[in-house]
Amino acid sequence: MLYRADRVQRPLTRLPVRPIGRDDGWCDASADRNYNRPVRHPYAASAERLWRADDLYDTVVVLNYNVQPRARSRGSAIFMHIAGPGYAPTEGCIALRREHLLWFVRRAGFGGAVHVLP
């Protein structure tokens, strides 16, 4: 789990927690050796910046999708994070209202599973 310590308090959770730094990113270049892994910016390959101007990544749960084993082009940076205005679509993530995300992380534990139903 990641959070912006300059904007929000450390979330109450049993999940492992780490603050997001200004240079933190997540590699989404499927041909790169660090595909679907955290990286530091500047980064030579395509990598999403986790330090954002908006509040969507103020609280982020890394869902461990396509982590072990990693398969190229199967998806990267699949997170549970704060929803945008009007629940704008994400690029494959799960987005919740801030209060619902905080409710979830208070109850979540390492090794738990998130099931997405149609």
PDB file of N, CA and C in Angstrom:
ATOM      1  N   MET A   1       0.839  -1.166   0.000  1.00  0.00           N
ATOM      2  CA  MET A   1       0.000   0.000   0.000  1.00  0.00           C
ATOM      3  C   MET A   1       0.886   1.231   0.000  1.00  0.00           C
ATOM      4  N   LEU A   2       0.456   2.260  -0.748  1.00  0.00           N
ATOM      5  CA  LEU A   2       1.200   3.503  -0.881  1.00  0.00           C
ATOM      6  C   LEU A   2       0.310   4.676  -0.497  1.00  0.00           C
ATOM      7  N   TYR A   3       0.939   5.766  -0.037  1.00  0.00           N
ATOM      8  CA  TYR A   3       0.151   6.949   0.291  1.00  0.00           C
ATOM      9  C   TYR A   3       1.014   8.198   0.195  1.00  0.00           C
ATOM     10  N   ARG A   4       0.371   9.346   0.012  1.00  0.00           N
ATOM     11  CA  ARG A   4       1.052  10.636  -0.067  1.00  0.00           C
ATOM     12  C   ARG A   4       1.115  11.241   1.324  1.00  0.00           C
ATOM     13  N   ALA A   5       2.239  11.113   1.995  1.00  0.00           N
ATOM     14  CA  ALA A   5       2.394  11.582   3.374  1.00  0.00           C
ATOM     15  C   ALA A   5       2.279  13.100   3.495  1.00  0.00           C
ATOM     16  N   ASP A   6       2.495  13.824   2.402  1.00  0.00           N
ATOM     17  CA  ASP A   6       2.360  15.276   2.451  1.00  0.00           C
ATOM     18  C   ASP A   6       0.900  15.718   2.372  1.00  0.00           C
ATOM     19  N   ARG A   7      -0.004  14.790   2.057  1.00  0.00           N
ATOM     20  CA  ARG A   7      -1.421  15.123   1.900  1.00  0.00           C
ATOM     21  C   ARG A   7      -2.345  14.405   2.873  1.00  0.00           C
ATOM     22  N   VAL A   8      -2.000  13.168   3.214  1.00  0.00           N
ATOM     23  CA  VAL A   8      -2.880  12.368   4.066  1.00  0.00           C
ATOM     24  C   VAL A   8      -2.062  11.682   5.156  1.00  0.00           C
ATOM     25  N   GLN A   9      -2.742  11.324   6.226  1.00  0.00           N
ATOM     26  CA  GLN A   9      -2.089  10.566   7.291  1.00  0.00           C
ATOM     27  C   GLN A   9      -1.867   9.129   6.841  1.00  0.00           C
ATOM     28  N   ARG A  10      -0.907   8.488   7.467  1.00  0.00           N
ATOM     29  CA  ARG A  10      -0.665   7.070   7.183  1.00  0.00           C
ATOM     30  C   ARG A  10      -1.962   6.314   7.441  1.00  0.00           C
ATOM     31  N   PRO A  11      -2.439   5.563   6.453  1.00  0.00           N
ATOM     32  CA  PRO A  11      -3.693   4.829   6.631  1.00  0.00           C
ATOM     33  C   PRO A  11      -3.584   3.766   7.725  1.00  0.00           C
ATOM     34  N   LEU A  12      -4.665   3.582   8.450  1.00  0.00           N
ATOM     35  CA  LEU A  12      -4.743   2.520   9.447  1.00  0.00           C
ATOM     36  C   LEU A  12      -5.058   1.225   8.717  1.00  0.00           C
ATOM     37  N   THR A  13      -4.117   0.293   8.733  1.00  0.00           N
ATOM     38  CA  THR A  13      -4.277  -0.952   7.992  1.00  0.00           C
ATOM     39  C   THR A  13      -3.272  -1.976   8.486  1.00  0.00           C
ATOM     40  N   ARG A  14      -3.545  -3.236   8.189  1.00  0.00           N
ATOM     41  CA  ARG A  14      -2.583  -4.307   8.465  1.00  0.00           C
ATOM     42  C   ARG A  14      -1.721  -4.591   7.233  1.00  0.00           C
ATOM     43  N   LEU A  15      -1.996  -3.891   6.128  1.00  0.00           N
ATOM     44  CA  LEU A  15      -1.200  -4.051   4.913  1.00  0.00           C
ATOM     45  C   LEU A  15       0.161  -3.382   5.084  1.00  0.00           C
ATOM     46  N   PRO A  16       1.176  -3.863   4.381  1.00  0.00           N
ATOM     47  CA  PRO A  16       2.449  -3.138   4.372  1.00  0.00           C
ATOM     48  C   PRO A  16       2.228  -1.764   3.746  1.00  0.00           C
ATOM     49  N   VAL A  17       2.796  -0.719   4.352  1.00  0.00           N
ATOM     50  CA  VAL A  17       2.543   0.658   3.915  1.00  0.00           C
ATOM     51  C   VAL A  17       3.862   1.372   3.668  1.00  0.00           C
ATOM     52  N   ARG A  18       3.905   2.155   2.583  1.00  0.00           N
ATOM     53  CA  ARG A  18       5.080   2.953   2.253  1.00  0.00           C
ATOM     54  C   ARG A  18       4.637   4.284   1.669  1.00  0.00           C
ATOM     55  N   PRO A  19       5.257   5.389   2.084  1.00  0.00           N
ATOM     56  CA  PRO A  19       4.911   6.677   1.482  1.00  0.00           C
ATOM     57  C   PRO A  19       5.421   6.779   0.051  1.00  0.00           C
ATOM     58  N   ILE A  20       4.692   7.503  -0.780  1.00  0.00           N
ATOM     59  CA  ILE A  20       5.097   7.763  -2.158  1.00  0.00           C
ATOM     60  C   ILE A  20       6.079   8.926  -2.156  1.00  0.00           C
ATOM     61  N   GLY A  21       7.177   8.762  -2.888  1.00  0.00           N
ATOM     62  CA  GLY A  21       8.155   9.827  -3.044  1.00  0.00           C
ATOM     63  C   GLY A  21       7.980  10.546  -4.370  1.00  0.00           C
ATOM     64  N   ARG A  22       8.550  11.729  -4.489  1.00  0.00           N
ATOM     65  CA  ARG A  22       8.418  12.549  -5.704  1.00  0.00           C
ATOM     66  C   ARG A  22       8.911  11.841  -6.959  1.00  0.00           C
ATOM     67  N   ASP A  23       9.872  10.939  -6.822  1.00  0.00           N
ATOM     68  CA  ASP A  23      10.458  10.273  -7.988  1.00  0.00           C
ATOM     69  C   ASP A  23       9.900   8.876  -8.229  1.00  0.00           C
ATOM     70  N   ASP A  24       8.900   8.467  -7.466  1.00  0.00           N
ATOM     71  CA  ASP A  24       8.366   7.110  -7.600  1.00  0.00           C
ATOM     72  C   ASP A  24       7.535   6.958  -8.869  1.00  0.00           C
ATOM     73  N   GLY A  25       7.724   5.814  -9.505  1.00  0.00           N
ATOM     74  CA  GLY A  25       6.964   5.495 -10.708  1.00  0.00           C
ATOM     75  C   GLY A  25       6.667   4.008 -10.753  1.00  0.00           C
ATOM     76  N   TRP A  26       5.952   3.613 -11.810  1.00  0.00           N
ATOM     77  CA  TRP A  26       5.617   2.205 -12.015  1.00  0.00           C
ATOM     78  C   TRP A  26       5.773   1.926 -13.497  1.00  0.00           C
ATOM     79  N   CYS A  27       6.668   1.012 -13.843  1.00  0.00           N
ATOM     80  CA  CYS A  27       6.996   0.750 -15.242  1.00  0.00           C
ATOM     81  C   CYS A  27       5.840   0.068 -15.965  1.00  0.00           C
ATOM     82  N   ASP A  28       5.435   0.672 -17.091  1.00  0.00           N
ATOM     83  CA  ASP A  28       4.360   0.076 -17.899  1.00  0.00           C
ATOM     84  C   ASP A  28       4.835  -0.267 -19.313  1.00  0.00           C
ATOM     85  N   ALA A  29       6.144  -0.309 -19.511  1.00  0.00           N
ATOM     86  CA  ALA A  29       6.722  -0.682 -20.803  1.00  0.00           C
ATOM     87  C   ALA A  29       6.914  -2.196 -20.830  1.00  0.00           C
ATOM     88  N   SER A  30       6.081  -2.898 -21.595  1.00  0.00           N
ATOM     89  CA  SER A  30       6.063  -4.367 -21.513  1.00  0.00           C
ATOM     90  C   SER A  30       7.380  -5.011 -21.940  1.00  0.00           C
ATOM     91  N   ALA A  31       8.203  -4.339 -22.737  1.00  0.00           N
ATOM     92  CA  ALA A  31       9.483  -4.913 -23.150  1.00  0.00           C
ATOM     93  C   ALA A  31      10.602  -4.632 -22.142  1.00  0.00           C
ATOM     94  N   ASP A  32      10.356  -3.806 -21.151  1.00  0.00           N
ATOM     95  CA  ASP A  32      11.384  -3.436 -20.180  1.00  0.00           C
ATOM     96  C   ASP A  32      11.540  -4.525 -19.117  1.00  0.00           C
ATOM     97  N   ARG A  33      12.759  -4.664 -18.603  1.00  0.00           N
ATOM     98  CA  ARG A  33      13.016  -5.691 -17.579  1.00  0.00           C
ATOM     99  C   ARG A  33      12.279  -5.403 -16.274  1.00  0.00           C
ATOM    100  N   ASN A  34      11.877  -4.154 -16.053  1.00  0.00           N
ATOM    101  CA  ASN A  34      11.148  -3.790 -14.832  1.00  0.00           C
ATOM    102  C   ASN A  34       9.650  -3.616 -15.065  1.00  0.00           C
ATOM    103  N   TYR A  35       9.142  -4.202 -16.142  1.00  0.00           N
ATOM    104  CA  TYR A  35       7.710  -4.116 -16.433  1.00  0.00           C
ATOM    105  C   TYR A  35       6.890  -4.530 -15.209  1.00  0.00           C
ATOM    106  N   ASN A  36       5.892  -3.718 -14.912  1.00  0.00           N
ATOM    107  CA  ASN A  36       4.976  -3.942 -13.793  1.00  0.00           C
ATOM    108  C   ASN A  36       5.707  -4.017 -12.454  1.00  0.00           C
ATOM    109  N   ARG A  37       6.696  -3.151 -12.307  1.00  0.00           N
ATOM    110  CA  ARG A  37       7.431  -3.027 -11.047  1.00  0.00           C
ATOM    111  C   ARG A  37       7.623  -1.552 -10.725  1.00  0.00           C
ATOM    112  N   PRO A  38       7.801  -1.246  -9.441  1.00  0.00           N
ATOM    113  CA  PRO A  38       8.106   0.142  -9.091  1.00  0.00           C
ATOM    114  C   PRO A  38       9.485   0.540  -9.620  1.00  0.00           C
ATOM    115  N   VAL A  39       9.604   1.794 -10.045  1.00  0.00           N
ATOM    116  CA  VAL A  39      10.863   2.352 -10.544  1.00  0.00           C
ATOM    117  C   VAL A  39      11.007   3.778 -10.020  1.00  0.00           C
ATOM    118  N   ARG A  40      12.172   4.379 -10.270  1.00  0.00           N
ATOM    119  CA  ARG A  40      12.438   5.769  -9.879  1.00  0.00           C
ATOM    120  C   ARG A  40      12.567   6.618 -11.135  1.00  0.00           C
ATOM    121  N   HIS A  41      11.966   7.793 -11.120  1.00  0.00           N
ATOM    122  CA  HIS A  41      12.089   8.747 -12.229  1.00  0.00           C
ATOM    123  C   HIS A  41      13.292   9.641 -12.018  1.00  0.00           C
ATOM    124  N   PRO A  42      13.974  10.059 -13.064  1.00  0.00           N
ATOM    125  CA  PRO A  42      13.658   9.758 -14.461  1.00  0.00           C
ATOM    126  C   PRO A  42      13.960   8.286 -14.779  1.00  0.00           C
ATOM    127  N   TYR A  43      13.139   7.717 -15.640  1.00  0.00           N
ATOM    128  CA  TYR A  43      13.295   6.325 -16.036  1.00  0.00           C
ATOM    129  C   TYR A  43      13.290   6.268 -17.558  1.00  0.00           C
ATOM    130  N   ALA A  44      14.183   5.478 -18.122  1.00  0.00           N
ATOM    131  CA  ALA A  44      14.362   5.456 -19.576  1.00  0.00           C
ATOM    132  C   ALA A  44      13.139   4.922 -20.316  1.00  0.00           C
ATOM    133  N   ALA A  45      12.475   3.940 -19.769  1.00  0.00           N
ATOM    134  CA  ALA A  45      11.292   3.362 -20.419  1.00  0.00           C
ATOM    135  C   ALA A  45      10.033   4.061 -19.893  1.00  0.00           C
ATOM    136  N   SER A  46       8.916   3.763 -20.497  1.00  0.00           N
ATOM    137  CA  SER A  46       7.642   4.340 -20.057  1.00  0.00           C
ATOM    138  C   SER A  46       7.320   3.883 -18.641  1.00  0.00           C
ATOM    139  N   ALA A  47       7.003   4.861 -17.789  1.00  0.00           N
ATOM    140  CA  ALA A  47       6.674   4.553 -16.396  1.00  0.00           C
ATOM    141  C   ALA A  47       5.722   5.617 -15.868  1.00  0.00           C
ATOM    142  N   GLU A  48       4.626   5.166 -15.302  1.00  0.00           N
ATOM    143  CA  GLU A  48       3.645   6.089 -14.727  1.00  0.00           C
ATOM    144  C   GLU A  48       4.235   6.767 -13.493  1.00  0.00           C
ATOM    145  N   ARG A  49       3.945   8.038 -13.328  1.00  0.00           N
ATOM    146  CA  ARG A  49       4.373   8.763 -12.127  1.00  0.00           C
ATOM    147  C   ARG A  49       3.336   8.540 -11.027  1.00  0.00           C
ATOM    148  N   LEU A  50       3.800   8.155  -9.848  1.00  0.00           N
ATOM    149  CA  LEU A  50       2.888   7.937  -8.728  1.00  0.00           C
ATOM    150  C   LEU A  50       2.625   9.231  -7.955  1.00  0.00           C
ATOM    151  N   TRP A  51       3.540  10.198  -8.033  1.00  0.00           N
ATOM    152  CA  TRP A  51       3.376  11.506  -7.399  1.00  0.00           C
ATOM    153  C   TRP A  51       2.585  12.359  -8.383  1.00  0.00           C
ATOM    154  N   ARG A  52       1.286  12.516  -8.119  1.00  0.00           N
ATOM    155  CA  ARG A  52       0.390  13.172  -9.065  1.00  0.00           C
ATOM    156  C   ARG A  52      -0.110  14.502  -8.525  1.00  0.00           C
ATOM    157  N   ALA A  53      -0.503  15.378  -9.449  1.00  0.00           N
ATOM    158  CA  ALA A  53      -1.063  16.673  -9.060  1.00  0.00           C
ATOM    159  C   ALA A  53      -2.468  16.515  -8.478  1.00  0.00           C
ATOM    160  N   ASP A  54      -3.235  15.540  -8.998  1.00  0.00           N
ATOM    161  CA  ASP A  54      -4.571  15.304  -8.453  1.00  0.00           C
ATOM    162  C   ASP A  54      -4.460  14.413  -7.212  1.00  0.00           C
ATOM    163  N   ASP A  55      -5.593  14.042  -6.642  1.00  0.00           N
ATOM    164  CA  ASP A  55      -5.564  13.248  -5.404  1.00  0.00           C
ATOM    165  C   ASP A  55      -5.821  11.752  -5.616  1.00  0.00           C
ATOM    166  N   LEU A  56      -5.859  11.302  -6.859  1.00  0.00           N
ATOM    167  CA  LEU A  56      -6.229   9.908  -7.124  1.00  0.00           C
ATOM    168  C   LEU A  56      -5.293   8.906  -6.465  1.00  0.00           C
ATOM    169  N   TYR A  57      -4.013   9.232  -6.352  1.00  0.00           N
ATOM    170  CA  TYR A  57      -3.044   8.314  -5.756  1.00  0.00           C
ATOM    171  C   TYR A  57      -2.630   8.748  -4.356  1.00  0.00           C
ATOM    172  N   ASP A  58      -3.435   9.531  -3.688  1.00  0.00           N
ATOM    173  CA  ASP A  58      -3.116   9.878  -2.295  1.00  0.00           C
ATOM    174  C   ASP A  58      -3.146   8.630  -1.414  1.00  0.00           C
ATOM    175  N   THR A  59      -3.979   7.668  -1.773  1.00  0.00           N
ATOM    176  CA  THR A  59      -4.050   6.368  -1.106  1.00  0.00           C
ATOM    177  C   THR A  59      -4.173   5.313  -2.200  1.00  0.00           C
ATOM    178  N   VAL A  60      -3.239   4.363  -2.241  1.00  0.00           N
ATOM    179  CA  VAL A  60      -3.178   3.373  -3.315  1.00  0.00           C
ATOM    180  C   VAL A  60      -2.938   1.986  -2.726  1.00  0.00           C
ATOM    181  N   VAL A  61      -3.730   1.030  -3.152  1.00  0.00           N
ATOM    182  CA  VAL A  61      -3.492  -0.374  -2.802  1.00  0.00           C
ATOM    183  C   VAL A  61      -2.958  -1.055  -4.059  1.00  0.00           C
ATOM    184  N   VAL A  62      -1.769  -1.618  -3.973  1.00  0.00           N
ATOM    185  CA  VAL A  62      -1.184  -2.358  -5.085  1.00  0.00           C
ATOM    186  C   VAL A  62      -1.810  -3.753  -5.057  1.00  0.00           C
ATOM    187  N   LEU A  63      -2.487  -4.126  -6.127  1.00  0.00           N
ATOM    188  CA  LEU A  63      -3.270  -5.357  -6.117  1.00  0.00           C
ATOM    189  C   LEU A  63      -2.491  -6.624  -6.480  1.00  0.00           C
ATOM    190  N   ASN A  64      -1.214  -6.497  -6.781  1.00  0.00           N
ATOM    191  CA  ASN A  64      -0.387  -7.659  -7.119  1.00  0.00           C
ATOM    192  C   ASN A  64      -0.907  -8.422  -8.330  1.00  0.00           C
ATOM    193  N   TYR A  65      -1.551  -7.707  -9.229  1.00  0.00           N
ATOM    194  CA  TYR A  65      -1.992  -8.322 -10.488  1.00  0.00           C
ATOM    195  C   TYR A  65      -0.795  -8.442 -11.424  1.00  0.00           C
ATOM    196  N   ASN A  66      -0.629  -9.579 -12.032  1.00  0.00           N
ATOM    197  CA  ASN A  66       0.439  -9.846 -13.003  1.00  0.00           C
ATOM    198  C   ASN A  66       1.824  -9.613 -12.381  1.00  0.00           C
ATOM    199  N   VAL A  67       1.999 -10.104 -11.171  1.00  0.00           N
ATOM    200  CA  VAL A  67       3.253  -9.889 -10.455  1.00  0.00           C
ATOM    201  C   VAL A  67       4.139 -11.133 -10.474  1.00  0.00           C
ATOM    202  N   GLN A  68       3.586 -12.282 -10.143  1.00  0.00           N
ATOM    203  CA  GLN A  68       4.372 -13.504 -10.020  1.00  0.00           C
ATOM    204  C   GLN A  68       3.630 -14.661 -10.646  1.00  0.00           C
ATOM    205  N   PRO A  69       3.994 -15.105 -11.808  1.00  0.00           N
ATOM    206  CA  PRO A  69       5.009 -14.551 -12.701  1.00  0.00           C
ATOM    207  C   PRO A  69       4.435 -13.377 -13.505  1.00  0.00           C
ATOM    208  N   ARG A  70       5.298 -12.482 -13.925  1.00  0.00           N
ATOM    209  CA  ARG A  70       4.881 -11.369 -14.772  1.00  0.00           C
ATOM    210  C   ARG A  70       4.810 -11.838 -16.219  1.00  0.00           C
ATOM    211  N   ALA A  71       3.764 -11.449 -16.894  1.00  0.00           N
ATOM    212  CA  ALA A  71       3.620 -11.764 -18.318  1.00  0.00           C
ATOM    213  C   ALA A  71       3.549 -10.454 -19.083  1.00  0.00           C
ATOM    214  N   ARG A  72       4.383 -10.310 -20.074  1.00  0.00           N
ATOM    215  CA  ARG A  72       4.425  -9.084 -20.861  1.00  0.00           C
ATOM    216  C   ARG A  72       3.068  -8.780 -21.492  1.00  0.00           C
ATOM    217  N   SER A  73       2.703  -7.531 -21.442  1.00  0.00           N
ATOM    218  CA  SER A  73       1.455  -7.013 -22.044  1.00  0.00           C
ATOM    219  C   SER A  73       0.196  -7.551 -21.380  1.00  0.00           C
ATOM    220  N   ARG A  74       0.295  -8.073 -20.174  1.00  0.00           N
ATOM    221  CA  ARG A  74      -0.883  -8.590 -19.464  1.00  0.00           C
ATOM    222  C   ARG A  74      -1.448  -7.588 -18.466  1.00  0.00           C
ATOM    223  N   GLY A  75      -0.826  -6.406 -18.370  1.00  0.00           N
ATOM    224  CA  GLY A  75      -1.323  -5.372 -17.477  1.00  0.00           C
ATOM    225  C   GLY A  75      -0.307  -4.997 -16.425  1.00  0.00           C
ATOM    226  N   SER A  76      -0.228  -3.698 -16.181  1.00  0.00           N
ATOM    227  CA  SER A  76       0.693  -3.204 -15.163  1.00  0.00           C
ATOM    228  C   SER A  76       0.030  -2.071 -14.402  1.00  0.00           C
ATOM    229  N   ALA A  77       0.540  -1.816 -13.212  1.00  0.00           N
ATOM    230  CA  ALA A  77       0.033  -0.722 -12.372  1.00  0.00           C
ATOM    231  C   ALA A  77      -1.474  -0.857 -12.137  1.00  0.00           C
ATOM    232  N   ILE A  78      -1.906  -2.069 -11.827  1.00  0.00           N
ATOM    233  CA  ILE A  78      -3.317  -2.290 -11.521  1.00  0.00           C
ATOM    234  C   ILE A  78      -3.482  -2.070 -10.014  1.00  0.00           C
ATOM    235  N   PHE A  79      -4.107  -0.944  -9.694  1.00  0.00           N
ATOM    236  CA  PHE A  79      -4.224  -0.489  -8.317  1.00  0.00           C
ATOM    237  C   PHE A  79      -5.685  -0.331  -7.910  1.00  0.00           C
ATOM    238  N   MET A  80      -5.895  -0.193  -6.622  1.00  0.00           N
ATOM    239  CA  MET A  80      -7.145   0.301  -6.070  1.00  0.00           C
ATOM    240  C   MET A  80      -6.798   1.687  -5.541  1.00  0.00           C
ATOM    241  N   HIS A  81      -7.498   2.706  -6.035  1.00  0.00           N
ATOM    242  CA  HIS A  81      -7.155   4.073  -5.656  1.00  0.00           C
ATOM    243  C   HIS A  81      -8.411   4.930  -5.551  1.00  0.00           C
ATOM    244  N   ILE A  82      -8.231   6.196  -5.245  1.00  0.00           N
ATOM    245  CA  ILE A  82      -9.350   7.127  -5.082  1.00  0.00           C
ATOM    246  C   ILE A  82      -9.973   7.417  -6.443  1.00  0.00           C
ATOM    247  N   ALA A  83     -11.291   7.452  -6.485  1.00  0.00           N
ATOM    248  CA  ALA A  83     -12.021   7.707  -7.727  1.00  0.00           C
ATOM    249  C   ALA A  83     -11.938   9.175  -8.121  1.00  0.00           C
ATOM    250  N   GLY A  84     -11.921   9.389  -9.423  1.00  0.00           N
ATOM    251  CA  GLY A  84     -11.968  10.742  -9.957  1.00  0.00           C
ATOM    252  C   GLY A  84     -13.387  11.286  -9.904  1.00  0.00           C
ATOM    253  N   PRO A  85     -13.555  12.562 -10.250  1.00  0.00           N
ATOM    254  CA  PRO A  85     -14.890  13.168 -10.259  1.00  0.00           C
ATOM    255  C   PRO A  85     -15.868  12.368 -11.125  1.00  0.00           C
ATOM    256  N   GLY A  86     -17.036  12.094 -10.569  1.00  0.00           N
ATOM    257  CA  GLY A  86     -18.061  11.347 -11.301  1.00  0.00           C
ATOM    258  C   GLY A  86     -17.680   9.911 -11.595  1.00  0.00           C
ATOM    259  N   TYR A  87     -16.739   9.376 -10.837  1.00  0.00           N
ATOM    260  CA  TYR A  87     -16.240   8.014 -11.082  1.00  0.00           C
ATOM    261  C   TYR A  87     -15.776   7.856 -12.527  1.00  0.00           C
ATOM    262  N   ALA A  88     -14.967   8.802 -12.976  1.00  0.00           N
ATOM    263  CA  ALA A  88     -14.414   8.733 -14.330  1.00  0.00           C
ATOM    264  C   ALA A  88     -13.727   7.382 -14.526  1.00  0.00           C
ATOM    265  N   PRO A  89     -13.768   6.840 -15.744  1.00  0.00           N
ATOM    266  CA  PRO A  89     -13.128   5.536 -15.988  1.00  0.00           C
ATOM    267  C   PRO A  89     -11.638   5.559 -15.669  1.00  0.00           C
ATOM    268  N   THR A  90     -11.122   4.417 -15.263  1.00  0.00           N
ATOM    269  CA  THR A  90      -9.689   4.256 -14.997  1.00  0.00           C
ATOM    270  C   THR A  90      -9.084   3.497 -16.176  1.00  0.00           C
ATOM    271  N   GLU A  91      -7.794   3.246 -16.103  1.00  0.00           N
ATOM    272  CA  GLU A  91      -7.119   2.452 -17.136  1.00  0.00           C
ATOM    273  C   GLU A  91      -6.897   1.032 -16.644  1.00  0.00           C
ATOM    274  N   GLY A  92      -7.922   0.461 -15.997  1.00  0.00           N
ATOM    275  CA  GLY A  92      -7.858  -0.912 -15.527  1.00  0.00           C
ATOM    276  C   GLY A  92      -7.825  -1.062 -14.024  1.00  0.00           C
ATOM    277  N   CYS A  93      -7.815   0.049 -13.305  1.00  0.00           N
ATOM    278  CA  CYS A  93      -7.770   0.005 -11.844  1.00  0.00           C
ATOM    279  C   CYS A  93      -9.176  -0.079 -11.249  1.00  0.00           C
ATOM    280  N   ILE A  94      -9.233  -0.233  -9.944  1.00  0.00           N
ATOM    281  CA  ILE A  94     -10.476  -0.148  -9.190  1.00  0.00           C
ATOM    282  C   ILE A  94     -10.451   1.189  -8.472  1.00  0.00           C
ATOM    283  N   ALA A  95     -11.476   2.000  -8.654  1.00  0.00           N
ATOM    284  CA  ALA A  95     -11.519   3.328  -8.035  1.00  0.00           C
ATOM    285  C   ALA A  95     -12.710   3.415  -7.088  1.00  0.00           C
ATOM    286  N   LEU A  96     -12.454   3.908  -5.884  1.00  0.00           N
ATOM    287  CA  LEU A  96     -13.474   4.044  -4.846  1.00  0.00           C
ATOM    288  C   LEU A  96     -13.460   5.456  -4.286  1.00  0.00           C
ATOM    289  N   ARG A  97     -14.599   5.877  -3.735  1.00  0.00           N
ATOM    290  CA  ARG A  97     -14.589   7.136  -2.993  1.00  0.00           C
ATOM    291  C   ARG A  97     -13.603   7.010  -1.848  1.00  0.00           C
ATOM    292  N   ARG A  98     -12.963   8.130  -1.496  1.00  0.00           N
ATOM    293  CA  ARG A  98     -11.922   8.137  -0.464  1.00  0.00           C
ATOM    294  C   ARG A  98     -12.380   7.409   0.798  1.00  0.00           C
ATOM    295  N   GLU A  99     -13.561   7.734   1.298  1.00  0.00           N
ATOM    296  CA  GLU A  99     -14.009   7.123   2.553  1.00  0.00           C
ATOM    297  C   GLU A  99     -14.219   5.621   2.418  1.00  0.00           C
ATOM    298  N   HIS A 100     -14.635   5.154   1.232  1.00  0.00           N
ATOM    299  CA  HIS A 100     -14.809   3.712   1.027  1.00  0.00           C
ATOM    300  C   HIS A 100     -13.458   3.011   0.919  1.00  0.00           C
ATOM    301  N   LEU A 101     -12.486   3.650   0.279  1.00  0.00           N
ATOM    302  CA  LEU A 101     -11.151   3.072   0.190  1.00  0.00           C
ATOM    303  C   LEU A 101     -10.519   2.968   1.579  1.00  0.00           C
ATOM    304  N   LEU A 102     -10.655   4.003   2.388  1.00  0.00           N
ATOM    305  CA  LEU A 102     -10.105   3.969   3.748  1.00  0.00           C
ATOM    306  C   LEU A 102     -10.811   2.921   4.603  1.00  0.00           C
ATOM    307  N   TRP A 103     -12.120   2.750   4.416  1.00  0.00           N
ATOM    308  CA  TRP A 103     -12.862   1.693   5.112  1.00  0.00           C
ATOM    309  C   TRP A 103     -12.284   0.327   4.730  1.00  0.00           C
ATOM    310  N   PHE A 104     -12.049   0.140   3.436  1.00  0.00           N
ATOM    311  CA  PHE A 104     -11.511  -1.130   2.948  1.00  0.00           C
ATOM    312  C   PHE A 104     -10.139  -1.422   3.557  1.00  0.00           C
ATOM    313  N   VAL A 105      -9.218  -0.456   3.515  1.00  0.00           N
ATOM    314  CA  VAL A 105      -7.858  -0.732   3.986  1.00  0.00           C
ATOM    315  C   VAL A 105      -7.799  -0.955   5.494  1.00  0.00           C
ATOM    316  N   ARG A 106      -8.742  -0.376   6.234  1.00  0.00           N
ATOM    317  CA  ARG A 106      -8.775  -0.643   7.686  1.00  0.00           C
ATOM    318  C   ARG A 106      -9.084  -2.110   7.953  1.00  0.00           C
ATOM    319  N   ARG A 107      -9.797  -2.749   7.079  1.00  0.00           N
ATOM    320  CA  ARG A 107     -10.220  -4.134   7.280  1.00  0.00           C
ATOM    321  C   ARG A 107      -9.362  -5.146   6.528  1.00  0.00           C
ATOM    322  N   ALA A 108      -8.568  -4.695   5.580  1.00  0.00           N
ATOM    323  CA  ALA A 108      -7.781  -5.595   4.734  1.00  0.00           C
ATOM    324  C   ALA A 108      -6.560  -6.106   5.472  1.00  0.00           C
ATOM    325  N   GLY A 109      -6.120  -7.269   5.066  1.00  0.00           N
ATOM    326  CA  GLY A 109      -4.893  -7.839   5.597  1.00  0.00           C
ATOM    327  C   GLY A 109      -4.048  -8.394   4.473  1.00  0.00           C
ATOM    328  N   PHE A 110      -2.751  -8.482   4.699  1.00  0.00           N
ATOM    329  CA  PHE A 110      -1.841  -9.014   3.699  1.00  0.00           C
ATOM    330  C   PHE A 110      -2.238 -10.448   3.358  1.00  0.00           C
ATOM    331  N   GLY A 111      -2.252 -10.760   2.088  1.00  0.00           N
ATOM    332  CA  GLY A 111      -2.611 -12.105   1.647  1.00  0.00           C
ATOM    333  C   GLY A 111      -4.093 -12.249   1.344  1.00  0.00           C
ATOM    334  N   GLY A 112      -4.880 -11.206   1.606  1.00  0.00           N
ATOM    335  CA  GLY A 112      -6.293 -11.238   1.265  1.00  0.00           C
ATOM    336  C   GLY A 112      -6.479 -11.168  -0.246  1.00  0.00           C
ATOM    337  N   ALA A 113      -7.689 -11.328  -0.677  1.00  0.00           N
ATOM    338  CA  ALA A 113      -7.977 -11.301  -2.113  1.00  0.00           C
ATOM    339  C   ALA A 113      -9.104 -10.331  -2.417  1.00  0.00           C
ATOM    340  N   VAL A 114      -8.995  -9.669  -3.535  1.00  0.00           N
ATOM    341  CA  VAL A 114     -10.055  -8.798  -4.042  1.00  0.00           C
ATOM    342  C   VAL A 114     -10.682  -9.527  -5.221  1.00  0.00           C
ATOM    343  N   HIS A 115     -11.977  -9.751  -5.158  1.00  0.00           N
ATOM    344  CA  HIS A 115     -12.698 -10.424  -6.243  1.00  0.00           C
ATOM    345  C   HIS A 115     -13.556  -9.397  -6.949  1.00  0.00           C
ATOM    346  N   VAL A 116     -13.350  -9.250  -8.247  1.00  0.00           N
ATOM    347  CA  VAL A 116     -14.141  -8.323  -9.051  1.00  0.00           C
ATOM    348  C   VAL A 116     -15.206  -9.123  -9.774  1.00  0.00           C
ATOM    349  N   LEU A 117     -16.453  -8.765  -9.517  1.00  0.00           N
ATOM    350  CA  LEU A 117     -17.575  -9.479 -10.120  1.00  0.00           C
ATOM    351  C   LEU A 117     -18.144  -8.666 -11.265  1.00  0.00           C
ATOM    352  N   PRO A 118     -18.655  -9.333 -12.280  1.00  0.00           N
ATOM    353  CA  PRO A 118     -19.236  -8.607 -13.425  1.00  0.00           C
ATOM    354  C   PRO A 118     -20.515  -7.884 -13.042  1.00  0.00           C
TER     355      PRO A 118
END
